[in-house]
Protein backbone atom coordinates (compact mmCIF):
# COMPACT_ATOMS: atom_id res chain seq x y z
CA UNK A 1 -9.58 -33.86 -8.30
CA UNK A 2 -8.48 -31.74 -11.29
CA UNK A 3 -8.31 -27.98 -11.49
CA UNK A 4 -11.69 -28.18 -13.26
CA UNK A 5 -13.18 -28.76 -9.81
CA UNK A 6 -12.18 -25.24 -8.80
CA UNK A 7 -15.47 -23.40 -8.44
CA UNK A 8 -16.17 -19.75 -9.03
CA UNK A 9 -19.66 -20.07 -7.62
CA UNK A 10 -18.32 -21.53 -4.39
CA UNK A 11 -16.05 -18.50 -4.11
CA UNK A 12 -19.00 -16.18 -4.75
CA UNK A 13 -20.95 -17.91 -1.98
CA UNK A 14 -17.97 -17.48 0.34
CA UNK A 15 -17.54 -13.75 -0.40
CA UNK A 16 -21.29 -13.22 0.09
CA UNK A 17 -20.86 -14.06 3.77
CA UNK A 18 -18.68 -10.95 4.19
CA UNK A 19 -20.76 -8.22 2.56
CA UNK A 20 -20.18 -5.84 5.45
CA UNK A 21 -17.46 -3.42 6.54
CA UNK A 22 -14.52 -5.12 8.30
CA UNK A 23 -12.32 -2.29 9.51
CA UNK A 24 -9.23 -3.55 11.31
CA UNK A 25 -9.51 -3.84 15.06
CA UNK A 26 -13.31 -3.93 15.13
CA UNK A 27 -15.69 -6.76 16.12
CA UNK A 28 -16.69 -7.12 12.46
CA UNK A 29 -13.10 -7.94 11.49
CA UNK A 30 -12.93 -10.48 14.31
CA UNK A 31 -16.19 -12.02 13.09
CA UNK A 32 -14.68 -12.35 9.61
CA UNK A 33 -11.66 -14.20 11.00
CA UNK A 34 -14.02 -16.70 12.65
CA UNK A 35 -15.92 -17.22 9.39
CA UNK A 36 -12.67 -17.89 7.53
CA UNK A 37 -11.76 -20.54 10.11
CA UNK A 38 -15.22 -22.12 9.78
CA UNK A 39 -14.76 -22.38 6.01
CA UNK A 40 -11.37 -24.06 6.44
CA UNK A 41 -12.83 -26.50 8.95
CA UNK A 42 -15.64 -27.40 6.52
CA UNK A 43 -13.14 -29.19 4.26
CA UNK A 44 -10.92 -30.59 6.98
CA UNK A 45 -8.25 -27.88 7.32
CA UNK A 46 -6.96 -26.98 10.74
CA UNK A 47 -6.13 -23.33 11.36
CA UNK A 48 -5.03 -21.01 14.09
CA UNK A 49 -5.16 -17.33 14.96
CA UNK A 50 -2.20 -15.05 15.58
CA UNK A 51 -3.33 -11.87 17.30
CA UNK A 52 -1.46 -8.59 17.31
CA UNK A 53 -2.11 -5.13 18.69
CA UNK A 54 -1.68 -1.84 16.91
CA UNK A 55 -2.11 1.82 17.69
CA UNK A 56 -4.60 3.88 15.74
CA UNK A 57 -6.42 7.16 16.10
CA UNK A 58 -10.06 7.69 16.97
CA UNK A 59 -11.47 10.99 15.74
CA UNK A 60 -14.23 12.43 17.93
CA UNK A 61 -14.70 15.73 16.11
CA UNK A 62 -13.81 16.99 12.63
CA UNK A 63 -15.33 20.27 11.52
CA UNK A 64 -14.68 23.12 9.11
CA UNK A 65 -16.58 26.39 9.39
CA UNK A 66 -16.17 29.39 7.13
CA UNK A 67 -16.53 32.45 9.37
CA UNK A 68 -16.00 35.31 6.88
CA UNK A 69 -17.56 36.70 4.72
CA UNK A 70 -20.34 34.21 5.53
CA UNK A 71 -20.89 31.64 8.25
CA UNK A 72 -21.37 27.99 7.31
CA UNK A 73 -20.20 24.66 8.71
CA UNK A 74 -19.32 21.97 6.14
CA UNK A 75 -19.24 18.19 6.47
CA UNK A 76 -15.62 17.20 7.05
CA UNK A 77 -13.56 14.07 7.57
CA UNK A 78 -10.51 14.30 9.80
CA UNK A 79 -6.95 13.23 9.06
CA UNK A 80 -5.62 10.67 11.52
CA UNK A 81 -2.24 10.86 13.22
CA UNK A 82 -1.75 14.62 12.93
CA UNK A 83 -2.68 15.64 16.46
CA UNK A 84 -5.57 17.76 17.67
CA UNK A 85 -6.43 21.41 17.59
CA UNK A 86 -7.43 23.23 20.73
CA UNK A 87 -10.96 22.38 21.86
CA UNK A 88 -12.31 25.58 20.31
CA UNK A 89 -10.44 24.87 17.06
CA UNK A 90 -7.97 26.91 15.00
CA UNK A 91 -9.22 30.10 13.36
CA UNK A 92 -7.18 31.79 10.64
CA UNK A 93 -7.32 33.34 7.19
CA UNK A 94 -8.40 30.89 4.49
CA UNK A 95 -6.48 30.41 1.23
CA UNK A 96 -7.02 28.07 -1.72
CA UNK A 97 -3.54 26.98 -2.87
CA UNK A 98 -4.64 24.59 -5.63
CA UNK A 99 -1.92 21.92 -6.09
CA UNK A 100 0.23 23.27 -3.26
CA UNK A 101 2.86 24.65 -5.61
CA UNK A 102 5.72 26.75 -4.28
CA UNK A 103 4.28 30.03 -5.57
CA UNK A 104 0.90 29.50 -3.90
CA UNK A 105 2.47 28.28 -0.66
CA UNK A 106 4.70 31.36 -0.49
CA UNK A 107 1.57 33.23 0.68
CA UNK A 108 0.33 30.49 3.03
CA UNK A 109 2.13 31.07 6.34
CA UNK A 110 -0.28 31.21 9.26
CA UNK A 111 -3.31 30.38 7.10
CA UNK A 112 -5.68 27.46 6.75
CA UNK A 113 -5.07 26.30 3.19
CA UNK A 114 -7.16 24.18 0.85
CA UNK A 115 -5.44 21.83 -1.62
CA UNK A 116 -6.75 19.80 -4.55
CA UNK A 117 -5.55 16.38 -3.48
CA UNK A 118 -5.49 14.00 -0.55
CA UNK A 119 -2.57 15.05 1.65
CA UNK A 120 0.14 12.42 1.93
CA UNK A 121 3.76 12.44 3.06
CA UNK A 122 5.44 14.84 0.63
CA UNK A 123 2.64 17.41 0.55
CA UNK A 124 2.24 17.28 4.33
CA UNK A 125 5.92 18.07 4.81
CA UNK A 126 5.68 20.92 2.28
CA UNK A 127 2.72 22.37 4.17
CA UNK A 128 4.69 22.25 7.43
CA UNK A 129 7.64 23.96 5.75
CA UNK A 130 5.29 26.66 4.44
CA UNK A 131 4.12 27.35 8.00
CA UNK A 132 0.40 26.82 7.43
CA UNK A 133 -1.99 26.80 10.39
CA UNK A 134 -4.06 23.89 9.06
CA UNK A 135 -5.12 22.25 5.81
CA UNK A 136 -8.23 21.18 3.93
CA UNK A 137 -8.16 18.63 1.09
CA UNK A 138 -10.72 18.06 -1.66
CA UNK A 139 -12.22 14.74 -2.81
CA UNK A 140 -15.15 13.62 -4.92
CA UNK A 141 -16.65 14.93 -8.14
CA UNK A 142 -19.28 17.45 -9.23
CA UNK A 143 -21.85 14.72 -9.97
CA UNK A 144 -21.75 12.97 -6.56
CA UNK A 145 -24.91 12.39 -4.55
CA UNK A 146 -25.85 10.62 -1.32
CA UNK A 147 -23.03 8.60 0.24
CA UNK A 148 -20.63 9.86 -2.41
CA UNK A 149 -20.83 13.30 -0.81
CA UNK A 150 -18.92 12.01 2.22
CA UNK A 151 -15.42 13.51 1.89
CA UNK A 152 -12.26 11.44 2.06
CA UNK A 153 -9.22 11.95 4.21
CA UNK A 154 -6.24 9.80 5.15
CA UNK A 155 -3.74 9.15 7.90
CA UNK A 156 -0.40 10.90 8.09
CA UNK A 157 2.26 8.15 7.75
CA UNK A 158 3.52 6.71 11.03
CA UNK A 159 7.15 7.50 10.23
CA UNK A 160 6.31 11.13 9.48
CA UNK A 161 4.36 11.40 12.73
CA UNK A 162 7.23 9.90 14.71
CA UNK A 163 9.75 12.28 13.12
CA UNK A 164 7.89 15.39 14.29
CA UNK A 165 7.29 16.86 17.70
CA UNK A 166 3.77 17.79 18.78
CA UNK A 167 4.22 21.49 18.03
CA UNK A 168 5.26 20.77 14.43
CA UNK A 169 2.09 18.81 13.62
CA UNK A 170 -0.59 20.57 11.59
CA UNK A 171 -4.18 19.38 11.61
CA UNK A 172 -6.33 18.81 8.57
CA UNK A 173 -9.71 17.71 7.29
CA UNK A 174 -11.19 16.68 3.96
CA UNK A 175 -14.23 18.28 2.30
CA UNK A 176 -16.24 17.37 -0.76
CA UNK A 177 -15.57 18.88 -4.20
CA UNK A 178 -18.93 20.67 -4.35
CA UNK A 179 -18.39 22.31 -0.97
CA UNK A 180 -14.92 23.39 -2.02
CA UNK A 181 -16.39 25.01 -5.13
CA UNK A 182 -18.86 26.92 -2.97
CA UNK A 183 -16.12 28.16 -0.65
CA UNK A 184 -14.04 29.55 -3.50
CA UNK A 185 -17.05 30.95 -5.38
CA UNK A 186 -18.35 32.73 -2.30
CA UNK A 187 -14.92 34.17 -1.52
CA UNK A 188 -14.18 32.42 1.78
CA UNK A 189 -11.66 34.56 3.67
CA UNK A 190 -11.50 33.11 7.17
CA UNK A 191 -12.12 29.62 8.56
CA UNK A 192 -12.22 27.70 11.81
CA UNK A 193 -10.85 24.15 11.70
CA UNK A 194 -11.48 21.74 14.55
CA UNK A 195 -9.98 18.27 14.81
CA UNK A 196 -10.04 16.27 18.03
CA UNK A 197 -8.59 12.75 18.14
CA UNK A 198 -6.97 10.36 20.57
CA UNK A 199 -4.59 7.43 20.19
CA UNK A 200 -6.17 4.07 20.98
CA UNK A 201 -5.00 0.46 20.89
CA UNK A 202 -6.82 -2.13 18.79
CA UNK A 203 -6.40 -5.86 18.21
CA UNK A 204 -6.34 -7.58 14.82
CA UNK A 205 -5.51 -11.14 13.85
CA UNK A 206 -4.08 -13.29 11.08
CA UNK A 207 -5.68 -16.61 10.19
CA UNK A 208 -3.14 -19.27 9.23
CA UNK A 209 -3.41 -22.78 7.82
CA UNK A 210 -0.57 -25.01 6.64
CA UNK A 211 -0.35 -27.98 4.29
CA UNK A 212 2.78 -29.92 5.19
CA UNK A 213 4.96 -30.89 2.25
CA UNK A 214 6.34 -34.35 1.54
CA UNK A 215 10.01 -34.67 0.61
CA UNK A 216 10.73 -30.91 0.53
CA UNK A 217 8.73 -29.94 3.60
CA UNK A 218 11.48 -27.68 4.94
CA UNK A 219 10.91 -25.27 2.04
CA UNK A 220 7.88 -22.99 2.40
CA UNK A 221 5.64 -21.26 -0.12
CA UNK A 222 3.01 -18.78 1.07
CA UNK A 223 -0.36 -17.87 -0.43
CA UNK A 224 -1.72 -14.73 1.15
CA UNK A 225 -4.55 -12.19 1.01
CA UNK A 226 -5.96 -9.64 3.41
CA UNK A 227 -9.55 -9.80 4.63
CA UNK A 228 -10.02 -6.43 6.35
CA UNK A 229 -11.68 -3.51 4.57
CA UNK A 230 -11.57 0.26 4.74
CA UNK A 231 -14.38 1.90 6.74
CA UNK A 232 -15.91 3.34 3.55
CA UNK A 233 -17.16 0.03 2.14
CA UNK A 234 -17.45 -3.76 2.48
CA UNK A 235 -14.40 -4.54 0.36
CA UNK A 236 -15.55 -7.41 -1.85
CA UNK A 237 -13.08 -6.58 -4.64
CA UNK A 238 -10.56 -5.28 -2.07
CA UNK A 239 -10.12 -7.92 -0.88
CA UNK A 240 -12.53 -10.72 0.08
CA UNK A 241 -12.24 -11.88 -3.51
CA UNK A 242 -8.53 -12.42 -2.92
CA UNK A 243 -9.34 -14.21 0.33
CA UNK A 244 -11.76 -16.47 -1.58
CA UNK A 245 -9.19 -17.27 -4.26
CA UNK A 246 -6.55 -18.51 -1.83
CA UNK A 247 -9.27 -20.43 0.04
CA UNK A 248 -10.13 -22.25 -3.19
CA UNK A 249 -6.46 -23.00 -3.87
CA UNK A 250 -6.15 -24.31 -0.31
CA UNK A 251 -9.07 -26.65 -0.95
CA UNK A 252 -7.40 -27.86 -4.13
CA UNK A 253 -3.92 -28.42 -2.67
CA UNK A 254 -5.34 -30.30 0.31
CA UNK A 255 -6.34 -32.99 -2.17
CA UNK A 256 -2.99 -32.76 -4.00
CA UNK A 257 -0.38 -32.81 -1.27
CA UNK A 258 2.58 -30.70 -2.40
CA UNK A 259 6.26 -31.57 -2.06
CA UNK A 260 6.96 -28.21 -0.43
CA UNK A 261 5.08 -26.90 2.58
CA UNK A 262 2.41 -24.39 1.62
CA UNK A 263 1.22 -21.83 4.16
CA UNK A 264 -2.04 -19.96 3.67
CA UNK A 265 -2.42 -16.66 5.53
CA UNK A 266 -5.40 -14.33 5.68
CA UNK A 267 -4.00 -11.03 6.95
CA UNK A 268 -5.78 -8.54 9.15
CA UNK A 269 -5.11 -4.79 9.20
CA UNK A 270 -3.61 -4.55 5.71
CA UNK A 271 -5.47 -1.30 5.17
CA UNK A 272 -3.77 0.18 8.25
CA UNK A 273 -0.32 -0.19 6.67
CA UNK A 274 0.29 -3.90 5.90
CA UNK A 275 0.21 -4.57 9.65
CA UNK A 276 -0.84 -8.23 9.41
CA UNK A 277 1.98 -9.22 7.08
CA UNK A 278 4.47 -7.16 9.05
CA UNK A 279 3.43 -9.00 12.20
CA UNK A 280 3.72 -12.33 10.38
CA UNK A 281 7.32 -11.84 9.21
CA UNK A 282 8.31 -10.61 12.66
CA UNK A 283 6.72 -13.57 14.45
CA UNK A 284 8.08 -16.09 11.93
CA UNK A 285 11.51 -14.52 11.63
CA UNK A 286 13.33 -17.73 12.55
CA UNK A 287 11.89 -19.63 9.58
CA UNK A 288 12.08 -16.90 6.94
CA UNK A 289 15.21 -18.47 5.47
CA UNK A 290 13.00 -21.45 4.54
CA UNK A 291 10.56 -19.29 2.55
CA UNK A 292 10.97 -19.55 -1.20
CA UNK A 293 8.14 -17.50 -2.75
CA UNK A 294 5.14 -15.44 -1.68
CA UNK A 295 2.01 -15.50 -3.85
CA UNK A 296 -0.29 -12.70 -2.73
CA UNK A 297 -3.71 -11.74 -4.12
CA UNK A 298 -5.09 -8.22 -3.75
CA UNK A 299 -7.93 -6.76 -5.86
CA UNK A 300 -9.72 -9.51 -7.74
CA UNK A 301 -12.96 -10.96 -8.97
CA UNK A 302 -14.59 -8.40 -11.26
CA UNK A 303 -15.53 -9.60 -14.73
CA UNK A 304 -14.33 -6.78 -16.99
CA UNK A 305 -10.61 -6.30 -16.55
CA UNK A 306 -7.22 -7.88 -17.00
CA UNK A 307 -4.94 -9.91 -14.76
CA UNK A 308 -1.64 -8.31 -13.79
CA UNK A 309 1.00 -9.98 -11.64
CA UNK A 310 3.28 -7.54 -9.89
CA UNK A 311 6.64 -9.26 -9.32
CA UNK A 312 9.08 -7.98 -6.72
CA UNK A 313 11.93 -10.34 -7.50
CA UNK A 314 14.47 -11.15 -10.19
CA UNK A 315 13.10 -10.43 -13.72
CA UNK A 316 13.34 -14.14 -14.53
CA UNK A 317 10.28 -14.67 -12.31
CA UNK A 318 8.21 -12.69 -14.80
CA UNK A 319 9.25 -15.01 -17.63
CA UNK A 320 8.51 -18.08 -15.51
CA UNK A 321 5.04 -16.85 -14.56
CA UNK A 322 4.24 -16.00 -18.17
CA UNK A 323 5.24 -19.53 -19.19
CA UNK A 324 3.00 -21.06 -16.51
CA UNK A 325 0.09 -18.80 -17.47
CA UNK A 326 0.42 -19.92 -21.09
CA UNK A 327 -0.01 -23.49 -19.93
CA UNK A 328 -3.41 -22.54 -18.46
CA UNK A 329 -4.49 -20.38 -21.41
CA UNK A 330 -5.51 -17.65 -18.96
CA UNK A 331 -4.34 -14.21 -20.03
CA UNK A 332 -2.16 -12.02 -17.85
CA UNK A 333 0.73 -9.59 -17.94
CA UNK A 334 3.56 -8.98 -15.49
CA UNK A 335 5.13 -5.88 -14.00
CA UNK A 336 8.56 -6.08 -12.36
CA UNK A 337 8.31 -3.59 -9.50
CA UNK A 338 7.41 -3.17 -5.86
CA UNK A 339 3.68 -3.47 -5.23
CA UNK A 340 1.51 -1.66 -2.67
CA UNK A 341 0.34 -4.82 -0.94
CA UNK A 342 1.45 -7.54 1.46
CA UNK A 343 3.90 -8.98 -1.09
CA UNK A 344 6.07 -5.95 -0.34
CA UNK A 345 6.55 -7.16 3.22
CA UNK A 346 7.95 -10.51 2.09
CA UNK A 347 10.20 -8.91 -0.52
CA UNK A 348 11.45 -6.47 2.13
CA UNK A 349 12.62 -9.50 4.10
CA UNK A 350 14.44 -10.91 1.07
CA UNK A 351 11.75 -13.36 -0.11
CA UNK A 352 10.79 -13.25 -3.81
CA UNK A 353 7.15 -12.20 -4.01
CA UNK A 354 4.24 -11.45 -6.35
CA UNK A 355 0.75 -10.00 -6.15
CA UNK A 356 -2.00 -11.21 -8.46
CA UNK A 357 -4.19 -8.22 -9.27
CA UNK A 358 -7.18 -7.61 -11.55
CA UNK A 359 -8.55 -4.33 -12.86
CA UNK A 360 -11.78 -3.26 -11.21
CA UNK A 361 -14.09 -0.54 -9.98
CA UNK A 362 -15.04 0.86 -6.59
CA UNK A 363 -11.97 0.23 -4.46
CA UNK A 364 -12.23 1.98 -1.07
CA UNK A 365 -15.82 3.08 -1.71
CA UNK A 366 -19.30 1.88 -0.77
CA UNK A 367 -19.61 0.50 -4.32
CA UNK A 368 -17.17 -2.32 -3.50
CA UNK A 369 -19.80 -5.01 -3.01
CA UNK A 370 -20.19 -8.65 -3.96
CA UNK A 371 -22.73 -7.70 -6.65
CA UNK A 372 -19.86 -6.43 -8.80
CA UNK A 373 -17.94 -9.71 -8.63
CA UNK A 374 -18.03 -12.53 -11.15
CA UNK A 375 -17.90 -16.29 -10.57
CA UNK A 376 -16.24 -16.61 -13.99
CA UNK A 377 -13.46 -14.22 -13.03
CA UNK A 378 -12.92 -15.78 -9.60
CA UNK A 379 -12.67 -19.26 -11.10
CA UNK A 380 -10.09 -18.19 -13.69
CA UNK A 381 -7.92 -16.41 -11.14
CA UNK A 382 -8.05 -19.37 -8.77
CA UNK A 383 -7.13 -21.78 -11.58
CA UNK A 384 -4.20 -19.58 -12.60
CA UNK A 385 -2.93 -19.27 -9.02
CA UNK A 386 -3.44 -22.97 -8.32
CA UNK A 387 -1.33 -23.86 -11.35
CA UNK A 388 1.46 -21.50 -10.31
CA UNK A 389 1.39 -22.74 -6.71
CA UNK A 390 1.25 -26.44 -7.62
CA UNK A 391 4.03 -26.11 -10.21
CA UNK A 392 6.35 -24.36 -7.77
CA UNK A 393 5.50 -26.68 -4.91
CA UNK A 394 6.44 -29.77 -6.91
CA UNK A 395 9.41 -28.65 -9.06
CA UNK A 396 12.79 -30.16 -8.14
CA UNK A 397 14.47 -26.80 -7.50
CA UNK A 398 13.20 -23.23 -7.51
CA UNK A 399 13.76 -21.85 -11.03
CA UNK A 400 14.78 -18.32 -10.06
CA UNK A 401 17.29 -16.59 -7.75
CA UNK A 402 16.36 -16.47 -4.09
CA UNK A 403 17.14 -12.81 -3.62
CA UNK A 404 15.72 -9.35 -4.27
CA UNK A 405 17.37 -6.97 -6.77
CA UNK A 406 19.24 -4.09 -5.13
CA UNK A 407 17.04 -1.40 -6.70
CA UNK A 408 13.97 -3.00 -5.12
CA UNK A 409 15.69 -3.28 -1.74
CA UNK A 410 16.27 0.48 -1.75
CA UNK A 411 12.69 1.20 -2.79
CA UNK A 412 11.34 -1.13 -0.12
CA UNK A 413 13.46 0.45 2.60
CA UNK A 414 12.00 3.82 1.58
CA UNK A 415 8.48 2.35 1.41
CA UNK A 416 8.73 1.02 4.95
CA UNK A 417 10.46 4.14 6.21
CA UNK A 418 13.82 2.56 7.04
């Protein structure tokens, strides 16, 4: 069996089974885990599930009403993990503060403010410091229709939430661009913001399969991808395509037993904060000193684009990967930095790591469907990854330092809120 037997169409068929939303902790995510195990069983691979629980927030009401000089309620999406307003909501003067600059925020105390961007850690803390009563963020574009009119929001980071007491929390919602334009044009002066949510516990799961090595079985390589999606779309590009690629490499390596042990992991709850990979390194802590390299895939499969490998390791890994890619003739570039995916978790624990990524369209939207994927692209990515994995599994000694540069360690500690 040569790498020419790697099939893009087989990967397309696999991804087509998952053309539905798989939000972490839901029955649809659990169904996806079962389908992954069925696929592994179809070519003789044993697998097992590792379950884990996580806390999340369930929003029961998110509403924004302008009460002066006109009365209108707008469609809103609530921010998770920022507490709840009183049942009747919070009513206050309304102020558009654009980018949340210091000058605009100097007039914001006690007001419900509207900002141009999704509110994340730094802006949230600035809003608290400014003493605002609540916040509204803007998403979308002036040409959106239908489902695209649903506004976006986010979750306040767990570490930020834990660092604040309940009285310090400020609640927020997201509205669509066109509604924001109307509010400013019509001179909105007062608003009522209501956000009701409760903390709930959910269960997710990792799917794991292992090919035991021969004479270097005590050294472990991992190939990983997440299979959950955001609630806004079915996540074919982000990231069932990645799940399909490592499945195809698993099929290949089963017929070419490696010298080193190769572990394949399909992570749940990546979109909730890399929770699947964080659970994995915690549960497998005793064997982490045996891990030599993590090869993660996140965002893949669309035809028009370019392959980028984000390397969180010594710069020599970039040179090595470029050399291996040249042997395949498949184009790619490297970036030596931390990467916003599960490879970060491995690097955080001192394991050199990479994420294979391809440019694409529709991430975290309802456009992220299998129809935008390409068998040609999937096949090329799987061939590239299979060559990297097979080369590293069979080489006499790992050709790069088994540590993480100090600058990355500091960035990763900040990323994970240490």
